[in-house]
N, C-alpha and C. Protein backbone atom coordinates (compact mmCIF):
# COMPACT_ATOMS: atom_id res chain seq x y z
N UNK A 1 -0.95 14.60 -9.32
CA UNK A 1 -0.57 13.13 -9.39
C UNK A 1 0.95 13.39 -8.34
N UNK A 2 0.88 12.60 -7.49
CA UNK A 2 1.76 12.69 -6.25
C UNK A 2 3.30 11.80 -6.87
N UNK A 3 3.71 11.48 -7.61
CA UNK A 3 4.75 10.96 -8.45
C UNK A 3 5.67 10.24 -6.96
N UNK A 4 5.80 10.69 -5.70
CA UNK A 4 6.51 10.40 -4.93
C UNK A 4 5.91 8.88 -4.57
N UNK A 5 4.60 8.62 -4.73
CA UNK A 5 4.15 6.73 -4.69
C UNK A 5 4.28 6.31 -5.34
N UNK A 6 4.69 4.79 -5.12
CA UNK A 6 5.15 3.90 -6.26
C UNK A 6 3.53 3.42 -6.55
N UNK A 7 2.77 3.74 -7.25
CA UNK A 7 1.39 3.34 -7.63
C UNK A 7 1.53 2.69 -9.16
N UNK A 8 0.42 1.57 -9.35
CA UNK A 8 0.17 1.23 -11.08
C UNK A 8 -0.18 2.65 -11.55
N UNK A 9 -1.16 3.28 -11.01
CA UNK A 9 -2.00 3.90 -11.38
C UNK A 9 -0.91 5.54 -11.56
N UNK A 10 0.43 5.80 -11.05
CA UNK A 10 1.32 6.62 -11.42
C UNK A 10 2.08 6.07 -12.51
N UNK A 11 1.99 4.67 -12.78
CA UNK A 11 2.81 4.32 -13.96
C UNK A 11 2.40 4.51 -15.38
N UNK A 12 0.78 4.68 -14.88
CA UNK A 12 -0.07 4.54 -16.45
C UNK A 12 0.06 6.12 -16.68
N UNK A 13 0.01 6.72 -15.49
CA UNK A 13 0.33 8.46 -16.17
C UNK A 13 1.38 9.03 -16.56
N UNK A 14 2.49 8.43 -16.17
CA UNK A 14 3.95 8.38 -16.60
C UNK A 14 4.29 7.84 -17.99
N UNK A 15 3.82 6.70 -18.43
CA UNK A 15 4.03 6.12 -19.63
C UNK A 15 2.90 6.98 -20.59
N UNK A 16 1.89 7.27 -20.33
CA UNK A 16 0.92 7.63 -21.12
C UNK A 16 1.47 9.80 -21.21
N UNK A 17 1.89 10.12 -20.24
CA UNK A 17 2.41 11.44 -20.33
C UNK A 17 3.79 11.20 -21.22
N UNK A 18 4.38 10.15 -21.67
CA UNK A 18 6.10 9.96 -21.96
C UNK A 18 5.40 9.80 -23.50
N UNK A 19 4.34 9.27 -23.98
CA UNK A 19 4.15 8.66 -25.03
C UNK A 19 3.15 9.87 -25.71
N UNK A 20 2.68 10.83 -25.41
CA UNK A 20 1.95 11.97 -25.56
C UNK A 20 2.62 12.81 -25.95
N UNK A 21 4.03 13.17 -25.52
CA UNK A 21 5.27 14.39 -24.93
C UNK A 21 6.16 13.94 -26.86
N UNK A 22 6.25 12.78 -26.47
CA UNK A 22 6.96 12.06 -27.79
C UNK A 22 6.52 11.64 -29.19
N UNK A 23 5.29 12.23 -29.10
CA UNK A 23 4.62 11.39 -30.15
C UNK A 23 4.69 10.09 -30.79
N UNK A 24 4.66 8.97 -29.97
CA UNK A 24 5.16 7.85 -30.11
C UNK A 24 4.11 7.05 -31.49
N UNK A 25 4.46 7.11 -32.46
CA UNK A 25 3.85 6.28 -33.77
C UNK A 25 3.52 5.22 -33.29
N UNK A 26 4.17 4.24 -31.99
CA UNK A 26 3.92 2.77 -32.45
C UNK A 26 3.67 3.25 -30.43
N UNK A 27 2.60 4.37 -30.14
CA UNK A 27 1.75 4.24 -28.99
C UNK A 27 1.43 2.95 -28.20
N UNK A 28 0.80 2.28 -29.08
CA UNK A 28 -0.14 1.23 -28.75
C UNK A 28 0.55 -0.05 -28.45
N UNK A 29 2.10 -0.08 -28.83
CA UNK A 29 3.07 -1.13 -27.96
C UNK A 29 3.28 -0.80 -26.79
N UNK A 30 3.23 0.34 -26.10
CA UNK A 30 3.59 0.60 -25.06
C UNK A 30 3.00 0.92 -24.22
N UNK A 31 2.37 -0.18 -23.60
CA UNK A 31 1.54 0.06 -22.90
C UNK A 31 2.28 -0.02 -21.27
N UNK A 32 1.47 0.48 -20.16
CA UNK A 32 1.98 0.61 -18.87
C UNK A 32 1.67 -0.72 -18.52
N UNK A 33 0.80 -1.32 -18.77
CA UNK A 33 1.06 -3.09 -18.16
C UNK A 33 2.04 -3.58 -18.02
N UNK A 34 3.26 -3.47 -19.19
CA UNK A 34 3.89 -3.68 -19.22
C UNK A 34 5.35 -3.95 -18.79
N UNK A 35 4.77 -3.04 -17.56
CA UNK A 35 5.93 -2.27 -16.78
C UNK A 35 5.59 -2.89 -15.15
N UNK A 36 6.73 -3.27 -14.04
CA UNK A 36 6.23 -3.57 -13.28
C UNK A 36 7.03 -2.39 -11.77
N UNK A 37 5.98 -2.90 -10.71
CA UNK A 37 6.14 -1.48 -10.48
C UNK A 37 8.01 -1.50 -9.71
N UNK A 38 8.42 -2.37 -9.41
CA UNK A 38 9.67 -2.57 -9.24
C UNK A 38 11.00 -1.29 -9.82
N UNK A 39 9.99 -0.83 -10.82
CA UNK A 39 10.63 -0.44 -12.36
C UNK A 39 10.81 1.09 -12.10
N UNK A 40 9.63 1.47 -11.13
CA UNK A 40 8.84 2.54 -11.10
C UNK A 40 9.68 3.47 -11.01
N UNK A 41 11.21 3.60 -10.33
CA UNK A 41 12.27 5.20 -10.43
C UNK A 41 12.86 5.23 -11.66
N UNK A 42 13.10 4.22 -13.04
CA UNK A 42 13.91 3.86 -13.95
C UNK A 42 12.71 4.68 -14.74
N UNK A 43 11.31 3.95 -14.60
CA UNK A 43 10.13 5.07 -15.49
C UNK A 43 10.31 6.74 -15.01
N UNK A 44 10.35 7.00 -13.68
CA UNK A 44 10.18 8.24 -13.48
C UNK A 44 11.17 8.78 -13.75
N UNK A 45 12.77 8.46 -13.72
CA UNK A 45 13.97 9.19 -14.47
C UNK A 45 13.31 9.68 -16.20
N UNK A 46 12.77 8.31 -16.55
CA UNK A 46 12.40 8.68 -18.08
C UNK A 46 11.06 9.39 -18.08
N UNK A 47 10.26 10.31 -17.29
CA UNK A 47 9.51 10.91 -17.17
C UNK A 47 10.08 11.70 -17.27
N UNK A 48 11.08 12.13 -16.25
CA UNK A 48 11.61 13.79 -15.63
C UNK A 48 12.01 13.90 -17.06
N UNK A 49 12.92 13.38 -17.70
CA UNK A 49 14.01 13.86 -18.44
C UNK A 49 12.77 14.46 -20.08
N UNK A 50 12.06 13.15 -20.31
CA UNK A 50 10.97 13.93 -21.29
C UNK A 50 10.32 15.65 -20.68
N UNK A 51 9.85 15.25 -19.94
CA UNK A 51 8.74 16.57 -19.37
C UNK A 51 10.04 17.55 -19.22
N UNK A 52 11.38 17.40 -19.15
CA UNK A 52 12.03 18.35 -19.35
C UNK A 52 12.69 19.26 -20.33
N UNK A 53 12.30 18.70 -21.58
CA UNK A 53 12.67 19.26 -22.53
C UNK A 53 11.03 19.54 -23.46
N UNK A 54 11.31 20.34 -24.87
CA UNK A 54 10.27 20.79 -25.03
C UNK A 54 10.23 20.21 -26.80
N UNK A 55 11.12 19.67 -26.96
CA UNK A 55 11.75 19.15 -28.77
C UNK A 55 12.82 17.68 -28.62
N UNK A 56 12.13 17.26 -28.78
CA UNK A 56 13.13 16.49 -29.35
C UNK A 56 13.65 15.79 -30.67
N UNK A 57 15.65 15.02 -30.37
CA UNK A 57 15.71 14.84 -32.32
C UNK A 57 14.86 13.56 -32.40
N UNK A 58 15.20 13.37 -33.68
CA UNK A 58 14.94 11.55 -33.75
C UNK A 58 15.68 10.05 -33.20
N UNK A 59 16.94 10.72 -32.94
CA UNK A 59 17.84 9.87 -32.26
C UNK A 59 17.70 9.66 -30.92
N UNK A 60 17.07 11.43 -29.90
CA UNK A 60 16.90 11.13 -29.06
C UNK A 60 15.47 10.63 -28.35
N UNK A 61 14.49 10.64 -29.33
CA UNK A 61 13.43 9.86 -29.08
C UNK A 61 13.67 7.96 -29.23
N UNK A 62 15.00 7.80 -30.06
CA UNK A 62 14.73 6.23 -30.72
C UNK A 62 15.48 5.71 -29.07
N UNK A 63 16.41 6.56 -28.58
CA UNK A 63 17.29 6.37 -27.21
C UNK A 63 16.22 6.22 -26.13
N UNK A 64 15.14 7.41 -26.19
CA UNK A 64 13.93 7.22 -25.13
C UNK A 64 13.79 5.39 -24.56
N UNK A 65 12.86 5.90 -26.14
CA UNK A 65 11.95 3.85 -26.65
C UNK A 65 12.68 3.02 -26.42
N UNK A 66 14.20 3.32 -26.48
CA UNK A 66 14.85 1.64 -26.43
C UNK A 66 14.63 1.47 -24.85
N UNK A 67 15.32 2.45 -24.07
CA UNK A 67 15.26 2.43 -22.60
C UNK A 67 13.53 2.19 -22.37
N UNK A 68 12.82 2.04 -22.54
CA UNK A 68 11.64 1.95 -22.08
C UNK A 68 11.53 0.58 -22.70
N UNK A 69 11.95 0.61 -23.83
CA UNK A 69 11.83 -1.26 -23.90
C UNK A 69 11.91 -1.90 -23.39
N UNK A 70 13.78 -1.65 -22.54
CA UNK A 70 14.32 -2.63 -21.90
C UNK A 70 13.65 -2.59 -20.72
N UNK A 71 12.80 -1.73 -20.09
CA UNK A 71 12.13 -1.95 -19.02
C UNK A 71 11.20 -2.87 -18.72
N UNK A 72 10.53 -2.83 -19.88
CA UNK A 72 9.82 -3.87 -20.06
C UNK A 72 8.85 -5.32 -19.47
N UNK A 73 8.47 -5.77 -19.44
CA UNK A 73 8.16 -6.85 -18.87
C UNK A 73 9.15 -8.18 -19.55
């Protein structure tokens, strides 16, 4: 994946990777189609934070999911 390119496919990839890494119970509610290409950099920032850590506290997961929620259409 070349995440330098702002594409719908990259958004799908990043959102799916975030859901897997955070083991989101409500993953079905967080669909890549709910995000606009204009929010690419914000999504990538969250993706990079998620990928940089191995473990997350409950409050960290809640904060990250909240930030993603704010970006939804």
